[in-house]
Amino acid sequence: GWNDFLQQHPALCIVLPKQSPLVTVLTESPD
């Protein structure tokens, strides 16, 4: 359900720590 936050609070740019688990998820995301 991680994407729910982005649906409610849209961002066009995301800056993450290199070791963040979200980096892997976003790298694999088509969006």
Full PDB file with SEQRES, HELIX, SHEET, SSBOND, CRYST1, ORIGX, SCALE, CONECT and MASTER records, all heavy atoms in Angstrom:
SEQRES   1 A   31  GLY TRP ASN ASP PHE LEU GLN GLN HIS PRO ALA LEU CYS          
SEQRES   2 A   31  ILE VAL LEU PRO LYS GLN SER PRO LEU VAL THR VAL LEU          
SEQRES   3 A   31  THR GLU SER PRO ASP                                          
HELIX    1 AA1 ASN A    3  GLN A    8  1                                   6    
HELIX    2 AA2 PRO A   21  GLU A   28  1                                   8    
CRYST1    1.000    1.000    1.000  90.00  90.00  90.00 P 1           1          
ORIGX1      1.000000  0.000000  0.000000        0.00000                         
ORIGX2      0.000000  1.000000  0.000000        0.00000                         
ORIGX3      0.000000  0.000000  1.000000        0.00000                         
SCALE1      1.000000  0.000000  0.000000        0.00000                         
SCALE2      0.000000  1.000000  0.000000        0.00000                         
SCALE3      0.000000  0.000000  1.000000        0.00000                         
ATOM      1  N   GLY A   1       0.805  -1.218   0.000  1.00  0.00           N  
ATOM      2  CA  GLY A   1       0.000   0.000   0.000  1.00  0.00           C  
ATOM      3  C   GLY A   1       0.838   1.267   0.000  1.00  0.00           C  
ATOM      4  O   GLY A   1       0.311   2.357   0.178  1.00  0.00           O  
ATOM      5  N   TRP A   2       2.141   1.133  -0.239  1.00  0.00           N  
ATOM      6  CA  TRP A   2       3.055   2.288  -0.198  1.00  0.00           C  
ATOM      7  C   TRP A   2       2.611   3.408  -1.122  1.00  0.00           C  
ATOM      8  O   TRP A   2       2.793   4.572  -0.823  1.00  0.00           O  
ATOM      9  CB  TRP A   2       4.490   1.857  -0.528  1.00  0.00           C  
ATOM     10  CG  TRP A   2       4.664   1.329  -1.922  1.00  0.00           C  
ATOM     11  CD1 TRP A   2       4.553   0.029  -2.318  1.00  0.00           C  
ATOM     12  CD2 TRP A   2       4.961   2.078  -3.103  1.00  0.00           C  
ATOM     13  NE1 TRP A   2       4.760  -0.088  -3.673  1.00  0.00           N  
ATOM     14  CE2 TRP A   2       5.015   1.158  -4.183  1.00  0.00           C  
ATOM     15  CE3 TRP A   2       5.181   3.422  -3.358  1.00  0.00           C  
ATOM     16  CZ2 TRP A   2       5.281   1.550  -5.487  1.00  0.00           C  
ATOM     17  CZ3 TRP A   2       5.448   3.814  -4.662  1.00  0.00           C  
ATOM     18  CH2 TRP A   2       5.496   2.889  -5.706  1.00  0.00           C  
ATOM     19  N   ASN A   3       2.028   3.067  -2.247  1.00  0.00           N  
ATOM     20  CA  ASN A   3       1.655   4.074  -3.247  1.00  0.00           C  
ATOM     21  C   ASN A   3       0.448   4.924  -2.821  1.00  0.00           C  
ATOM     22  O   ASN A   3       0.201   5.979  -3.404  1.00  0.00           O  
ATOM     23  CB  ASN A   3       1.399   3.400  -4.588  1.00  0.00           C  
ATOM     24  CG  ASN A   3       1.541   4.355  -5.734  1.00  0.00           C  
ATOM     25  OD1 ASN A   3       2.359   5.265  -5.713  1.00  0.00           O  
ATOM     26  ND2 ASN A   3       0.725   4.160  -6.754  1.00  0.00           N  
ATOM     27  N   ASP A   4      -0.288   4.476  -1.789  1.00  0.00           N  
ATOM     28  CA  ASP A   4      -1.443   5.247  -1.322  1.00  0.00           C  
ATOM     29  C   ASP A   4      -1.042   6.661  -0.913  1.00  0.00           C  
ATOM     30  O   ASP A   4      -1.774   7.618  -1.176  1.00  0.00           O  
ATOM     31  CB  ASP A   4      -2.120   4.547  -0.140  1.00  0.00           C  
ATOM     32  CG  ASP A   4      -2.752   3.215  -0.526  1.00  0.00           C  
ATOM     33  OD1 ASP A   4      -2.902   2.951  -1.728  1.00  0.00           O  
ATOM     34  OD2 ASP A   4      -3.073   2.436   0.399  1.00  0.00           O  
ATOM     35  N   PHE A   5       0.102   6.792  -0.274  1.00  0.00           N  
ATOM     36  CA  PHE A   5       0.565   8.115   0.148  1.00  0.00           C  
ATOM     37  C   PHE A   5       0.723   9.032  -1.061  1.00  0.00           C  
ATOM     38  O   PHE A   5       0.312  10.191  -1.038  1.00  0.00           O  
ATOM     39  CB  PHE A   5       1.896   8.008   0.914  1.00  0.00           C  
ATOM     40  CG  PHE A   5       2.358   9.334   1.449  1.00  0.00           C  
ATOM     41  CD1 PHE A   5       1.962   9.765   2.698  1.00  0.00           C  
ATOM     42  CD2 PHE A   5       3.190  10.161   0.704  1.00  0.00           C  
ATOM     43  CE1 PHE A   5       2.375  11.007   3.199  1.00  0.00           C  
ATOM     44  CE2 PHE A   5       3.617  11.390   1.193  1.00  0.00           C  
ATOM     45  CZ  PHE A   5       3.194  11.808   2.440  1.00  0.00           C  
ATOM     46  N   LEU A   6       1.301   8.505  -2.130  1.00  0.00           N  
ATOM     47  CA  LEU A   6       1.525   9.325  -3.331  1.00  0.00           C  
ATOM     48  C   LEU A   6       0.217   9.671  -4.034  1.00  0.00           C  
ATOM     49  O   LEU A   6       0.137  10.696  -4.706  1.00  0.00           O  
ATOM     50  CB  LEU A   6       2.469   8.608  -4.283  1.00  0.00           C  
ATOM     51  CG  LEU A   6       3.899   8.463  -3.769  1.00  0.00           C  
ATOM     52  CD1 LEU A   6       4.712   7.576  -4.709  1.00  0.00           C  
ATOM     53  CD2 LEU A   6       4.545   9.817  -3.609  1.00  0.00           C  
ATOM     54  N   GLN A   7      -0.779   8.832  -3.878  1.00  0.00           N  
ATOM     55  CA  GLN A   7      -2.089   9.148  -4.454  1.00  0.00           C  
ATOM     56  C   GLN A   7      -2.715  10.335  -3.718  1.00  0.00           C  
ATOM     57  O   GLN A   7      -3.365  11.175  -4.330  1.00  0.00           O  
ATOM     58  CB  GLN A   7      -3.018   7.931  -4.361  1.00  0.00           C  
ATOM     59  CG  GLN A   7      -2.543   6.728  -5.132  1.00  0.00           C  
ATOM     60  CD  GLN A   7      -2.470   6.976  -6.626  1.00  0.00           C  
ATOM     61  OE1 GLN A   7      -3.315   7.665  -7.191  1.00  0.00           O  
ATOM     62  NE2 GLN A   7      -1.457   6.426  -7.266  1.00  0.00           N  
ATOM     63  N   GLN A   8      -2.514  10.396  -2.414  1.00  0.00           N  
ATOM     64  CA  GLN A   8      -3.104  11.458  -1.607  1.00  0.00           C  
ATOM     65  C   GLN A   8      -2.244  12.717  -1.547  1.00  0.00           C  
ATOM     66  O   GLN A   8      -2.757  13.813  -1.320  1.00  0.00           O  
ATOM     67  CB  GLN A   8      -3.351  10.950  -0.185  1.00  0.00           C  
ATOM     68  CG  GLN A   8      -4.351   9.829  -0.133  1.00  0.00           C  
ATOM     69  CD  GLN A   8      -4.438   9.206   1.258  1.00  0.00           C  
ATOM     70  OE1 GLN A   8      -3.726   9.593   2.183  1.00  0.00           O  
ATOM     71  NE2 GLN A   8      -5.321   8.236   1.402  1.00  0.00           N  
ATOM     72  N   HIS A   9      -0.923  12.546  -1.720  1.00  0.00           N  
ATOM     73  CA  HIS A   9       0.027  13.655  -1.615  1.00  0.00           C  
ATOM     74  C   HIS A   9       0.990  13.575  -2.792  1.00  0.00           C  
ATOM     75  O   HIS A   9       2.141  13.165  -2.636  1.00  0.00           O  
ATOM     76  CB  HIS A   9       0.788  13.600  -0.284  1.00  0.00           C  
ATOM     77  CG  HIS A   9      -0.112  13.419   0.891  1.00  0.00           C  
ATOM     78  ND1 HIS A   9      -0.844  14.456   1.425  1.00  0.00           N  
ATOM     79  CD2 HIS A   9      -0.437  12.325   1.616  1.00  0.00           C  
ATOM     80  CE1 HIS A   9      -1.563  14.004   2.428  1.00  0.00           C  
ATOM     81  NE2 HIS A   9      -1.333  12.711   2.564  1.00  0.00           N  
ATOM     82  N   PRO A  10       0.538  13.963  -3.974  1.00  0.00           N  
ATOM     83  CA  PRO A  10       1.340  13.766  -5.191  1.00  0.00           C  
ATOM     84  C   PRO A  10       2.694  14.474  -5.133  1.00  0.00           C  
ATOM     85  O   PRO A  10       2.813  15.584  -4.630  1.00  0.00           O  
ATOM     86  CB  PRO A  10       0.470  14.359  -6.288  1.00  0.00           C  
ATOM     87  CG  PRO A  10      -0.909  14.411  -5.731  1.00  0.00           C  
ATOM     88  CD  PRO A  10      -0.751  14.582  -4.249  1.00  0.00           C  
ATOM     89  N   ALA A  11       3.670  13.779  -5.668  1.00  0.00           N  
ATOM     90  CA  ALA A  11       5.012  14.327  -5.831  1.00  0.00           C  
ATOM     91  C   ALA A  11       5.455  14.046  -7.257  1.00  0.00           C  
ATOM     92  O   ALA A  11       5.085  13.016  -7.834  1.00  0.00           O  
ATOM     93  CB  ALA A  11       5.979  13.681  -4.840  1.00  0.00           C  
ATOM     94  N   LEU A  12       6.216  14.951  -7.837  1.00  0.00           N  
ATOM     95  CA  LEU A  12       6.770  14.731  -9.171  1.00  0.00           C  
ATOM     96  C   LEU A  12       8.234  14.344  -9.095  1.00  0.00           C  
ATOM     97  O   LEU A  12       8.804  13.871 -10.071  1.00  0.00           O  
ATOM     98  CB  LEU A  12       6.613  15.986 -10.024  1.00  0.00           C  
ATOM     99  CG  LEU A  12       5.175  16.429 -10.272  1.00  0.00           C  
ATOM    100  CD1 LEU A  12       5.163  17.688 -11.130  1.00  0.00           C  
ATOM    101  CD2 LEU A  12       4.366  15.328 -10.918  1.00  0.00           C  
ATOM    102  N   CYS A  13       8.838  14.564  -7.927  1.00  0.00           N  
ATOM    103  CA  CYS A  13      10.245  14.252  -7.702  1.00  0.00           C  
ATOM    104  C   CYS A  13      10.374  13.641  -6.313  1.00  0.00           C  
ATOM    105  O   CYS A  13       9.744  14.120  -5.365  1.00  0.00           O  
ATOM    106  CB  CYS A  13      11.071  15.536  -7.819  1.00  0.00           C  
ATOM    107  SG  CYS A  13      12.815  15.352  -7.434  1.00  0.00           S  
ATOM    108  N   ILE A  14      11.166  12.574  -6.211  1.00  0.00           N  
ATOM    109  CA  ILE A  14      11.408  11.928  -4.917  1.00  0.00           C  
ATOM    110  C   ILE A  14      12.910  11.817  -4.715  1.00  0.00           C  
ATOM    111  O   ILE A  14      13.629  11.345  -5.598  1.00  0.00           O  
ATOM    112  CB  ILE A  14      10.743  10.544  -4.836  1.00  0.00           C  
ATOM    113  CG1 ILE A  14       9.227  10.657  -5.031  1.00  0.00           C  
ATOM    114  CG2 ILE A  14      11.067   9.865  -3.508  1.00  0.00           C  
ATOM    115  CD1 ILE A  14       8.480   9.331  -5.029  1.00  0.00           C  
ATOM    116  N   VAL A  15      13.376  12.254  -3.547  1.00  0.00           N  
ATOM    117  CA  VAL A  15      14.792  12.184  -3.180  1.00  0.00           C  
ATOM    118  C   VAL A  15      14.898  11.235  -1.992  1.00  0.00           C  
ATOM    119  O   VAL A  15      14.290  11.484  -0.951  1.00  0.00           O  
ATOM    120  CB  VAL A  15      15.348  13.570  -2.798  1.00  0.00           C  
ATOM    121  CG1 VAL A  15      16.830  13.482  -2.474  1.00  0.00           C  
ATOM    122  CG2 VAL A  15      15.082  14.590  -3.897  1.00  0.00           C  
ATOM    123  N   LEU A  16      15.666  10.153  -2.164  1.00  0.00           N  
ATOM    124  CA  LEU A  16      15.759   9.121  -1.128  1.00  0.00           C  
ATOM    125  C   LEU A  16      17.195   8.791  -0.780  1.00  0.00           C  
ATOM    126  O   LEU A  16      18.074   8.868  -1.649  1.00  0.00           O  
ATOM    127  CB  LEU A  16      15.087   7.839  -1.620  1.00  0.00           C  
ATOM    128  CG  LEU A  16      13.588   7.902  -1.873  1.00  0.00           C  
ATOM    129  CD1 LEU A  16      13.121   6.659  -2.606  1.00  0.00           C  
ATOM    130  CD2 LEU A  16      12.848   8.069  -0.561  1.00  0.00           C  
ATOM    131  N   PRO A  17      17.418   8.354   0.453  1.00  0.00           N  
ATOM    132  CA  PRO A  17      18.736   7.832   0.786  1.00  0.00           C  
ATOM    133  C   PRO A  17      19.041   6.621  -0.096  1.00  0.00           C  
ATOM    134  O   PRO A  17      18.148   5.819  -0.397  1.00  0.00           O  
ATOM    135  CB  PRO A  17      18.606   7.412   2.252  1.00  0.00           C  
ATOM    136  CG  PRO A  17      17.445   8.184   2.775  1.00  0.00           C  
ATOM    137  CD  PRO A  17      16.521   8.356   1.608  1.00  0.00           C  
ATOM    138  N   LYS A  18      20.267   6.507  -0.512  1.00  0.00           N  
ATOM    139  CA  LYS A  18      20.670   5.449  -1.436  1.00  0.00           C  
ATOM    140  C   LYS A  18      20.267   4.056  -0.941  1.00  0.00           C  
ATOM    141  O   LYS A  18      19.913   3.193  -1.740  1.00  0.00           O  
ATOM    142  CB  LYS A  18      22.167   5.515  -1.670  1.00  0.00           C  
ATOM    143  CG  LYS A  18      22.636   4.636  -2.780  1.00  0.00           C  
ATOM    144  CD  LYS A  18      23.984   5.065  -3.279  1.00  0.00           C  
ATOM    145  CE  LYS A  18      24.349   4.253  -4.489  1.00  0.00           C  
ATOM    146  NZ  LYS A  18      24.171   4.958  -5.728  1.00  0.00           N  
ATOM    147  N   GLN A  19      20.295   3.824   0.361  1.00  0.00           N  
ATOM    148  CA  GLN A  19      19.994   2.505   0.925  1.00  0.00           C  
ATOM    149  C   GLN A  19      18.514   2.316   1.278  1.00  0.00           C  
ATOM    150  O   GLN A  19      18.151   1.294   1.851  1.00  0.00           O  
ATOM    151  CB  GLN A  19      20.863   2.259   2.161  1.00  0.00           C  
ATOM    152  CG  GLN A  19      22.346   2.374   1.904  1.00  0.00           C  
ATOM    153  CD  GLN A  19      22.834   1.456   0.793  1.00  0.00           C  
ATOM    154  OE1 GLN A  19      22.391   0.319   0.656  1.00  0.00           O  
ATOM    155  NE2 GLN A  19      23.733   1.963  -0.036  1.00  0.00           N  
ATOM    156  N   SER A  20      17.663   3.252   0.937  1.00  0.00           N  
ATOM    157  CA  SER A  20      16.248   3.151   1.276  1.00  0.00           C  
ATOM    158  C   SER A  20      15.587   1.986   0.532  1.00  0.00           C  
ATOM    159  O   SER A  20      15.820   1.789  -0.660  1.00  0.00           O  
ATOM    160  CB  SER A  20      15.545   4.456   0.889  1.00  0.00           C  
ATOM    161  OG  SER A  20      14.149   4.312   0.969  1.00  0.00           O  
ATOM    162  N   PRO A  21      14.726   1.212   1.227  1.00  0.00           N  
ATOM    163  CA  PRO A  21      14.012   0.138   0.533  1.00  0.00           C  
ATOM    164  C   PRO A  21      13.121   0.665  -0.589  1.00  0.00           C  
ATOM    165  O   PRO A  21      12.866  -0.030  -1.567  1.00  0.00           O  
ATOM    166  CB  PRO A  21      13.183  -0.530   1.633  1.00  0.00           C  
ATOM    167  CG  PRO A  21      13.324   0.293   2.852  1.00  0.00           C  
ATOM    168  CD  PRO A  21      14.414   1.280   2.640  1.00  0.00           C  
ATOM    169  N   LEU A  22      12.692   1.908  -0.474  1.00  0.00           N  
ATOM    170  CA  LEU A  22      11.840   2.489  -1.512  1.00  0.00           C  
ATOM    171  C   LEU A  22      12.601   2.710  -2.822  1.00  0.00           C  
ATOM    172  O   LEU A  22      12.003   2.717  -3.891  1.00  0.00           O  
ATOM    173  CB  LEU A  22      11.216   3.787  -1.009  1.00  0.00           C  
ATOM    174  CG  LEU A  22      10.113   4.399  -1.846  1.00  0.00           C  
ATOM    175  CD1 LEU A  22       8.969   3.415  -2.106  1.00  0.00           C  
ATOM    176  CD2 LEU A  22       9.585   5.665  -1.177  1.00  0.00           C  
ATOM    177  N   VAL A  23      13.917   2.832  -2.766  1.00  0.00           N  
ATOM    178  CA  VAL A  23      14.714   2.982  -3.991  1.00  0.00           C  
ATOM    179  C   VAL A  23      14.509   1.777  -4.900  1.00  0.00           C  
ATOM    180  O   VAL A  23      14.276   1.920  -6.099  1.00  0.00           O  
ATOM    181  CB  VAL A  23      16.218   3.183  -3.664  1.00  0.00           C  
ATOM    182  CG1 VAL A  23      17.077   3.026  -4.913  1.00  0.00           C  
ATOM    183  CG2 VAL A  23      16.440   4.549  -3.042  1.00  0.00           C  
ATOM    184  N   THR A  24      14.557   0.582  -4.338  1.00  0.00           N  
ATOM    185  CA  THR A  24      14.365  -0.634  -5.131  1.00  0.00           C  
ATOM    186  C   THR A  24      12.970  -0.677  -5.738  1.00  0.00           C  
ATOM    187  O   THR A  24      12.797  -0.986  -6.918  1.00  0.00           O  
ATOM    188  CB  THR A  24      14.601  -1.886  -4.255  1.00  0.00           C  
ATOM    189  OG1 THR A  24      15.916  -1.813  -3.712  1.00  0.00           O  
ATOM    190  CG2 THR A  24      14.438  -3.158  -5.052  1.00  0.00           C  
ATOM    191  N   VAL A  25      11.966  -0.346  -4.941  1.00  0.00           N  
ATOM    192  CA  VAL A  25      10.578  -0.365  -5.416  1.00  0.00           C  
ATOM    193  C   VAL A  25      10.375   0.638  -6.544  1.00  0.00           C  
ATOM    194  O   VAL A  25       9.778   0.314  -7.583  1.00  0.00           O  
ATOM    195  CB  VAL A  25       9.610  -0.096  -4.239  1.00  0.00           C  
ATOM    196  CG1 VAL A  25       8.189   0.089  -4.732  1.00  0.00           C  
ATOM    197  CG2 VAL A  25       9.684  -1.228  -3.220  1.00  0.00           C  
ATOM    198  N   LEU A  26      10.877   1.860  -6.380  1.00  0.00           N  
ATOM    199  CA  LEU A  26      10.693   2.876  -7.422  1.00  0.00           C  
ATOM    200  C   LEU A  26      11.490   2.541  -8.678  1.00  0.00           C  
ATOM    201  O   LEU A  26      11.033   2.835  -9.796  1.00  0.00           O  
ATOM    202  CB  LEU A  26      11.083   4.260  -6.900  1.00  0.00           C  
ATOM    203  CG  LEU A  26      10.198   4.850  -5.808  1.00  0.00           C  
ATOM    204  CD1 LEU A  26      10.684   6.241  -5.431  1.00  0.00           C  
ATOM    205  CD2 LEU A  26       8.738   4.887  -6.212  1.00  0.00           C  
ATOM    206  N   THR A  27      12.653   1.946  -8.520  1.00  0.00           N  
ATOM    207  CA  THR A  27      13.452   1.557  -9.687  1.00  0.00           C  
ATOM    208  C   THR A  27      12.699   0.549 -10.546  1.00  0.00           C  
ATOM    209  O   THR A  27      12.796   0.569 -11.771  1.00  0.00           O  
ATOM    210  CB  THR A  27      14.814   0.980  -9.231  1.00  0.00           C  
ATOM    211  OG1 THR A  27      15.518   1.991  -8.498  1.00  0.00           O  
ATOM    212  CG2 THR A  27      15.663   0.542 -10.406  1.00  0.00           C  
ATOM    213  N   GLU A  28      11.926  -0.319  -9.908  1.00  0.00           N  
ATOM    214  CA  GLU A  28      11.158  -1.338 -10.624  1.00  0.00           C  
ATOM    215  C   GLU A  28       9.783  -0.841 -11.081  1.00  0.00           C  
ATOM    216  O   GLU A  28       9.108  -1.508 -11.850  1.00  0.00           O  
ATOM    217  CB  GLU A  28      11.003  -2.566  -9.739  1.00  0.00           C  
ATOM    218  CG  GLU A  28      12.335  -3.234  -9.425  1.00  0.00           C  
ATOM    219  CD  GLU A  28      12.228  -4.340  -8.401  1.00  0.00           C  
ATOM    220  OE1 GLU A  28      11.106  -4.613  -7.914  1.00  0.00           O  
ATOM    221  OE2 GLU A  28      13.271  -4.937  -8.092  1.00  0.00           O  
ATOM    222  N   SER A  29       9.378   0.327 -10.626  1.00  0.00           N  
ATOM    223  CA  SER A  29       8.064   0.861 -10.964  1.00  0.00           C  
ATOM    224  C   SER A  29       8.065   1.478 -12.356  1.00  0.00           C  
ATOM    225  O   SER A  29       8.989   2.210 -12.718  1.00  0.00           O  
ATOM    226  CB  SER A  29       7.659   1.938  -9.946  1.00  0.00           C  
ATOM    227  OG  SER A  29       6.496   2.615 -10.379  1.00  0.00           O  
ATOM    228  N   PRO A  30       7.016   1.226 -13.133  1.00  0.00           N  
ATOM    229  CA  PRO A  30       6.924   1.869 -14.451  1.00  0.00           C  
ATOM    230  C   PRO A  30       6.619   3.368 -14.364  1.00  0.00           C  
ATOM    231  O   PRO A  30       6.764   4.088 -15.343  1.00  0.00           O  
ATOM    232  CB  PRO A  30       5.774   1.123 -15.133  1.00  0.00           C  
ATOM    233  CG  PRO A  30       4.940   0.605 -14.006  1.00  0.00           C  
ATOM    234  CD  PRO A  30       5.893   0.322 -12.873  1.00  0.00           C  
ATOM    235  N   ASP A  31       6.222   3.841 -13.181  1.00  0.00           N  
ATOM    236  CA  ASP A  31       5.833   5.245 -13.012  1.00  0.00           C  
ATOM    237  C   ASP A  31       6.992   6.176 -12.666  1.00  0.00           C  
ATOM    238  O   ASP A  31       6.849   7.393 -12.748  1.00  0.00           O  
ATOM    239  CB  ASP A  31       4.776   5.375 -11.915  1.00  0.00           C  
ATOM    240  CG  ASP A  31       3.497   4.647 -12.263  1.00  0.00           C  
ATOM    241  OD1 ASP A  31       3.210   4.469 -13.463  1.00  0.00           O  
ATOM    242  OD2 ASP A  31       2.785   4.236 -11.331  1.00  0.00           O  
TER     243      ASP A  31                                                      
MASTER        0    0    0    2    0    0    0    6  242    1    0    3          
END                                                                             
